[in-house]
PDB file of all heavy atoms in Angstrom:
ATOM      1  N   GLU A   1       0.828  -1.208   0.000  1.00  0.00           N
ATOM      2  CA  GLU A   1       0.001   0.000   0.000  1.00  0.00           C
ATOM      3  C   GLU A   1       0.864   1.260   0.000  1.00  0.00           C
ATOM      4  O   GLU A   1       0.673   2.164  -0.802  1.00  0.00           O
ATOM      5  CB  GLU A   1      -0.921   0.004   1.227  1.00  0.00           C
ATOM      6  CG  GLU A   1      -2.017  -1.030   1.188  1.00  0.00           C
ATOM      7  CD  GLU A   1      -3.044  -0.750   0.096  1.00  0.00           C
ATOM      8  OE1 GLU A   1      -3.407   0.426  -0.098  1.00  0.00           O
ATOM      9  OE2 GLU A   1      -3.478  -1.705  -0.557  1.00  0.00           O
ATOM     10  N   MET A   2       1.817   1.334   0.941  1.00  0.00           N
ATOM     11  CA  MET A   2       2.579   2.566   1.084  1.00  0.00           C
ATOM     12  C   MET A   2       3.602   2.774  -0.033  1.00  0.00           C
ATOM     13  O   MET A   2       3.754   3.872  -0.570  1.00  0.00           O
ATOM     14  CB  MET A   2       3.308   2.596   2.427  1.00  0.00           C
ATOM     15  CG  MET A   2       3.879   3.994   2.726  1.00  0.00           C
ATOM     16  SD  MET A   2       5.185   4.053   3.971  1.00  0.00           S
ATOM     17  CE  MET A   2       6.622   3.563   3.007  1.00  0.00           C
ATOM     18  N   VAL A   3       4.302   1.703  -0.388  1.00  0.00           N
ATOM     19  CA  VAL A   3       5.366   1.858  -1.379  1.00  0.00           C
ATOM     20  C   VAL A   3       4.801   1.804  -2.793  1.00  0.00           C
ATOM     21  O   VAL A   3       4.966   2.748  -3.572  1.00  0.00           O
ATOM     22  CB  VAL A   3       6.460   0.790  -1.185  1.00  0.00           C
ATOM     23  CG1 VAL A   3       7.534   0.932  -2.258  1.00  0.00           C
ATOM     24  CG2 VAL A   3       7.088   0.917   0.209  1.00  0.00           C
ATOM     25  N   THR A   4       4.107   0.716  -3.142  1.00  0.00           N
ATOM     26  CA  THR A   4       3.651   0.576  -4.533  1.00  0.00           C
ATOM     27  C   THR A   4       2.740   1.731  -4.934  1.00  0.00           C
ATOM     28  O   THR A   4       2.974   2.398  -5.948  1.00  0.00           O
ATOM     29  CB  THR A   4       2.914  -0.756  -4.722  1.00  0.00           C
ATOM     30  OG1 THR A   4       3.783  -1.828  -4.355  1.00  0.00           O
ATOM     31  CG2 THR A   4       2.473  -0.919  -6.176  1.00  0.00           C
ATOM     32  N   TRP A   5       1.703   1.987  -4.147  1.00  0.00           N
ATOM     33  CA  TRP A   5       0.743   3.000  -4.551  1.00  0.00           C
ATOM     34  C   TRP A   5       1.285   4.427  -4.388  1.00  0.00           C
ATOM     35  O   TRP A   5       0.967   5.316  -5.184  1.00  0.00           O
ATOM     36  CB  TRP A   5      -0.567   2.809  -3.791  1.00  0.00           C
ATOM     37  CG  TRP A   5      -1.312   1.621  -4.315  1.00  0.00           C
ATOM     38  CD1 TRP A   5      -1.293   0.353  -3.829  1.00  0.00           C
ATOM     39  CD2 TRP A   5      -2.135   1.584  -5.491  1.00  0.00           C
ATOM     40  NE1 TRP A   5      -2.066  -0.472  -4.612  1.00  0.00           N
ATOM     41  CE2 TRP A   5      -2.609   0.260  -5.634  1.00  0.00           C
ATOM     42  CE3 TRP A   5      -2.536   2.553  -6.418  1.00  0.00           C
ATOM     43  CZ2 TRP A   5      -3.451  -0.130  -6.676  1.00  0.00           C
ATOM     44  CZ3 TRP A   5      -3.380   2.170  -7.458  1.00  0.00           C
ATOM     45  CH2 TRP A   5      -3.826   0.840  -7.577  1.00  0.00           C
ATOM     46  N   ARG A   6       2.114   4.644  -3.387  1.00  0.00           N
ATOM     47  CA  ARG A   6       2.698   5.985  -3.220  1.00  0.00           C
ATOM     48  C   ARG A   6       3.690   6.286  -4.335  1.00  0.00           C
ATOM     49  O   ARG A   6       3.715   7.383  -4.890  1.00  0.00           O
ATOM     50  CB  ARG A   6       3.371   6.085  -1.844  1.00  0.00           C
ATOM     51  CG  ARG A   6       3.811   7.502  -1.501  1.00  0.00           C
ATOM     52  CD  ARG A   6       4.276   7.601  -0.055  1.00  0.00           C
ATOM     53  NE  ARG A   6       4.624   8.980   0.263  1.00  0.00           N
ATOM     54  CZ  ARG A   6       5.800   9.529   0.017  1.00  0.00           C
ATOM     55  NH1 ARG A   6       6.759   8.800  -0.545  1.00  0.00           N
ATOM     56  NH2 ARG A   6       6.039  10.794   0.312  1.00  0.00           N
ATOM     57  N   GLU A   7       4.527   5.311  -4.674  1.00  0.00           N
ATOM     58  CA  GLU A   7       5.501   5.534  -5.752  1.00  0.00           C
ATOM     59  C   GLU A   7       4.788   5.647  -7.103  1.00  0.00           C
ATOM     60  O   GLU A   7       5.205   6.414  -7.971  1.00  0.00           O
ATOM     61  CB  GLU A   7       6.525   4.396  -5.780  1.00  0.00           C
ATOM     62  CG  GLU A   7       7.329   4.234  -4.506  1.00  0.00           C
ATOM     63  CD  GLU A   7       8.472   5.223  -4.349  1.00  0.00           C
ATOM     64  OE1 GLU A   7       8.991   5.693  -5.368  1.00  0.00           O
ATOM     65  OE2 GLU A   7       8.852   5.517  -3.201  1.00  0.00           O
ATOM     66  N   LEU A   8       3.692   4.921  -7.279  1.00  0.00           N
ATOM     67  CA  LEU A   8       2.902   5.057  -8.501  1.00  0.00           C
ATOM     68  C   LEU A   8       2.317   6.460  -8.605  1.00  0.00           C
ATOM     69  O   LEU A   8       2.311   7.066  -9.689  1.00  0.00           O
ATOM     70  CB  LEU A   8       1.790   4.015  -8.521  1.00  0.00           C
ATOM     71  CG  LEU A   8       0.862   4.016  -9.739  1.00  0.00           C
ATOM     72  CD1 LEU A   8       1.629   3.675 -11.012  1.00  0.00           C
ATOM     73  CD2 LEU A   8      -0.296   3.042  -9.537  1.00  0.00           C
ATOM     74  N   ALA A   9       1.840   7.002  -7.487  1.00  0.00           N
ATOM     75  CA  ALA A   9       1.290   8.356  -7.481  1.00  0.00           C
ATOM     76  C   ALA A   9       2.364   9.390  -7.798  1.00  0.00           C
ATOM     77  O   ALA A   9       2.130  10.334  -8.569  1.00  0.00           O
ATOM     78  CB  ALA A   9       0.658   8.642  -6.123  1.00  0.00           C
ATOM     79  N   LEU A  10       3.545   9.236  -7.212  1.00  0.00           N
ATOM     80  CA  LEU A  10       4.653  10.147  -7.507  1.00  0.00           C
ATOM     81  C   LEU A  10       5.019  10.081  -8.987  1.00  0.00           C
ATOM     82  O   LEU A  10       5.264  11.108  -9.630  1.00  0.00           O
ATOM     83  CB  LEU A  10       5.859   9.797  -6.645  1.00  0.00           C
ATOM     84  CG  LEU A  10       5.787  10.224  -5.175  1.00  0.00           C
ATOM     85  CD1 LEU A  10       6.832   9.478  -4.356  1.00  0.00           C
ATOM     86  CD2 LEU A  10       5.985  11.725  -5.058  1.00  0.00           C
ATOM     87  N   ASN A  11       5.051   8.869  -9.532  1.00  0.00           N
ATOM     88  CA  ASN A  11       5.356   8.699 -10.949  1.00  0.00           C
ATOM     89  C   ASN A  11       4.316   9.390 -11.817  1.00  0.00           C
ATOM     90  O   ASN A  11       4.647  10.096 -12.782  1.00  0.00           O
ATOM     91  CB  ASN A  11       5.436   7.209 -11.276  1.00  0.00           C
ATOM     92  CG  ASN A  11       5.441   6.931 -12.766  1.00  0.00           C
ATOM     93  OD1 ASN A  11       4.405   6.580 -13.347  1.00  0.00           O
ATOM     94  ND2 ASN A  11       6.582   7.105 -13.403  1.00  0.00           N
ATOM     95  N   CYS A  12       3.035   9.218 -11.466  1.00  0.00           N
ATOM     96  CA  CYS A  12       1.955   9.834 -12.237  1.00  0.00           C
ATOM     97  C   CYS A  12       2.096  11.350 -12.272  1.00  0.00           C
ATOM     98  O   CYS A  12       2.047  11.971 -13.334  1.00  0.00           O
ATOM     99  CB  CYS A  12       0.609   9.433 -11.641  1.00  0.00           C
ATOM    100  SG  CYS A  12      -0.808  10.336 -12.309  1.00  0.00           S
ATOM    101  N   CYS A  13       2.285  11.966 -11.109  1.00  0.00           N
ATOM    102  CA  CYS A  13       2.325  13.426 -11.051  1.00  0.00           C
ATOM    103  C   CYS A  13       3.636  13.996 -11.581  1.00  0.00           C
ATOM    104  O   CYS A  13       3.677  15.140 -12.027  1.00  0.00           O
ATOM    105  CB  CYS A  13       2.082  13.893  -9.615  1.00  0.00           C
ATOM    106  SG  CYS A  13       0.423  13.531  -9.020  1.00  0.00           S
ATOM    107  N   THR A  14       4.708  13.190 -11.538  1.00  0.00           N
ATOM    108  CA  THR A  14       5.985  13.634 -12.092  1.00  0.00           C
ATOM    109  C   THR A  14       5.978  13.570 -13.610  1.00  0.00           C
ATOM    110  O   THR A  14       6.476  14.477 -14.290  1.00  0.00           O
ATOM    111  CB  THR A  14       7.135  12.769 -11.542  1.00  0.00           C
ATOM    112  OG1 THR A  14       7.194  12.915 -10.122  1.00  0.00           O
ATOM    113  CG2 THR A  14       8.469  13.180 -12.140  1.00  0.00           C
ATOM    114  N   ARG A  15       5.396  12.512 -14.162  1.00  0.00           N
ATOM    115  CA  ARG A  15       5.469  12.288 -15.611  1.00  0.00           C
ATOM    116  C   ARG A  15       4.253  12.811 -16.374  1.00  0.00           C
ATOM    117  O   ARG A  15       4.303  12.894 -17.606  1.00  0.00           O
ATOM    118  CB  ARG A  15       5.619  10.785 -15.886  1.00  0.00           C
ATOM    119  CG  ARG A  15       6.873  10.162 -15.297  1.00  0.00           C
ATOM    120  CD  ARG A  15       8.126  10.814 -15.821  1.00  0.00           C
ATOM    121  NE  ARG A  15       9.332  10.294 -15.172  1.00  0.00           N
ATOM    122  CZ  ARG A  15      10.495  10.885 -15.233  1.00  0.00           C
ATOM    123  NH1 ARG A  15      10.642  12.028 -15.901  1.00  0.00           N
ATOM    124  NH2 ARG A  15      11.550  10.364 -14.613  1.00  0.00           N
ATOM    125  N   ASN A  16       3.183  13.154 -15.664  1.00  0.00           N
ATOM    126  CA  ASN A  16       1.976  13.634 -16.328  1.00  0.00           C
ATOM    127  C   ASN A  16       1.597  14.996 -15.759  1.00  0.00           C
ATOM    128  O   ASN A  16       0.989  15.081 -14.693  1.00  0.00           O
ATOM    129  CB  ASN A  16       0.822  12.640 -16.134  1.00  0.00           C
ATOM    130  CG  ASN A  16      -0.349  12.936 -17.052  1.00  0.00           C
ATOM    131  OD1 ASN A  16      -0.568  14.076 -17.448  1.00  0.00           O
ATOM    132  ND2 ASN A  16      -1.104  11.907 -17.396  1.00  0.00           N
ATOM    133  N   PRO A  17       1.965  16.094 -16.435  1.00  0.00           N
ATOM    134  CA  PRO A  17       1.687  17.431 -15.886  1.00  0.00           C
ATOM    135  C   PRO A  17       0.203  17.753 -15.772  1.00  0.00           C
ATOM    136  O   PRO A  17      -0.173  18.725 -15.129  1.00  0.00           O
ATOM    137  CB  PRO A  17       2.382  18.363 -16.881  1.00  0.00           C
ATOM    138  CG  PRO A  17       2.470  17.586 -18.154  1.00  0.00           C
ATOM    139  CD  PRO A  17       2.642  16.156 -17.736  1.00  0.00           C
ATOM    140  N   ARG A  18      -0.668  16.912 -16.353  1.00  0.00           N
ATOM    141  CA  ARG A  18      -2.119  17.155 -16.297  1.00  0.00           C
ATOM    142  C   ARG A  18      -2.781  16.319 -15.189  1.00  0.00           C
ATOM    143  O   ARG A  18      -3.955  15.973 -15.273  1.00  0.00           O
ATOM    144  CB  ARG A  18      -2.732  16.828 -17.655  1.00  0.00           C
ATOM    145  CG  ARG A  18      -2.132  17.675 -18.793  1.00  0.00           C
ATOM    146  CD  ARG A  18      -2.643  17.254 -20.153  1.00  0.00           C
ATOM    147  NE  ARG A  18      -2.210  15.912 -20.524  1.00  0.00           N
ATOM    148  CZ  ARG A  18      -2.535  15.302 -21.653  1.00  0.00           C
ATOM    149  NH1 ARG A  18      -3.298  15.913 -22.536  1.00  0.00           N
ATOM    150  NH2 ARG A  18      -2.099  14.070 -21.902  1.00  0.00           N
ATOM    151  N   PHE A  19      -2.013  16.043 -14.124  1.00  0.00           N
ATOM    152  CA  PHE A  19      -2.472  15.121 -13.080  1.00  0.00           C
ATOM    153  C   PHE A  19      -3.714  15.588 -12.342  1.00  0.00           C
ATOM    154  O   PHE A  19      -4.378  14.785 -11.701  1.00  0.00           O
ATOM    155  CB  PHE A  19      -1.342  14.869 -12.065  1.00  0.00           C
ATOM    156  CG  PHE A  19      -0.847  16.110 -11.370  1.00  0.00           C
ATOM    157  CD1 PHE A  19      -1.525  16.641 -10.292  1.00  0.00           C
ATOM    158  CD2 PHE A  19       0.314  16.738 -11.797  1.00  0.00           C
ATOM    159  CE1 PHE A  19      -1.075  17.787  -9.654  1.00  0.00           C
ATOM    160  CE2 PHE A  19       0.779  17.884 -11.158  1.00  0.00           C
ATOM    161  CZ  PHE A  19       0.083  18.410 -10.081  1.00  0.00           C
ATOM    162  N   ALA A  20      -4.039  16.870 -12.398  1.00  0.00           N
ATOM    163  CA  ALA A  20      -5.216  17.363 -11.666  1.00  0.00           C
ATOM    164  C   ALA A  20      -6.408  17.587 -12.582  1.00  0.00           C
ATOM    165  O   ALA A  20      -7.334  18.315 -12.237  1.00  0.00           O
ATOM    166  CB  ALA A  20      -4.877  18.659 -10.937  1.00  0.00           C
ATOM    167  N   SER A  21      -6.432  16.942 -13.742  1.00  0.00           N
ATOM    168  CA  SER A  21      -7.521  17.150 -14.697  1.00  0.00           C
ATOM    169  C   SER A  21      -7.947  15.826 -15.315  1.00  0.00           C
ATOM    170  O   SER A  21      -7.248  14.811 -15.217  1.00  0.00           O
ATOM    171  CB  SER A  21      -7.077  18.114 -15.803  1.00  0.00           C
ATOM    172  OG  SER A  21      -6.149  17.482 -16.675  1.00  0.00           O
ATOM    173  N   LEU A  22      -9.098  15.859 -15.984  1.00  0.00           N
ATOM    174  CA  LEU A  22      -9.579  14.662 -16.689  1.00  0.00           C
ATOM    175  C   LEU A  22      -8.610  14.232 -17.775  1.00  0.00           C
ATOM    176  O   LEU A  22      -8.613  13.063 -18.185  1.00  0.00           O
ATOM    177  CB  LEU A  22     -10.957  14.940 -17.296  1.00  0.00           C
ATOM    178  CG  LEU A  22     -12.120  15.175 -16.321  1.00  0.00           C
ATOM    179  CD1 LEU A  22     -13.392  15.487 -17.101  1.00  0.00           C
ATOM    180  CD2 LEU A  22     -12.342  13.967 -15.409  1.00  0.00           C
ATOM    181  N   ALA A  23      -7.780  15.146 -18.249  1.00  0.00           N
ATOM    182  CA  ALA A  23      -6.838  14.813 -19.319  1.00  0.00           C
ATOM    183  C   ALA A  23      -5.849  13.734 -18.889  1.00  0.00           C
ATOM    184  O   ALA A  23      -5.221  13.092 -19.741  1.00  0.00           O
ATOM    185  CB  ALA A  23      -6.088  16.063 -19.766  1.00  0.00           C
ATOM    186  N   ALA A  24      -5.691  13.520 -17.586  1.00  0.00           N
ATOM    187  CA  ALA A  24      -4.758  12.497 -17.106  1.00  0.00           C
ATOM    188  C   ALA A  24      -5.311  11.090 -17.217  1.00  0.00           C
ATOM    189  O   ALA A  24      -4.588  10.119 -16.986  1.00  0.00           O
ATOM    190  CB  ALA A  24      -4.389  12.791 -15.649  1.00  0.00           C
TER     191      ALA A  24
END
């Protein structure tokens, strides 16, 4: 939970600048 999902979230927001929109 802490590592896999947290690191996945960091990856998403680092690599996808549209992380706060439907475009993501």
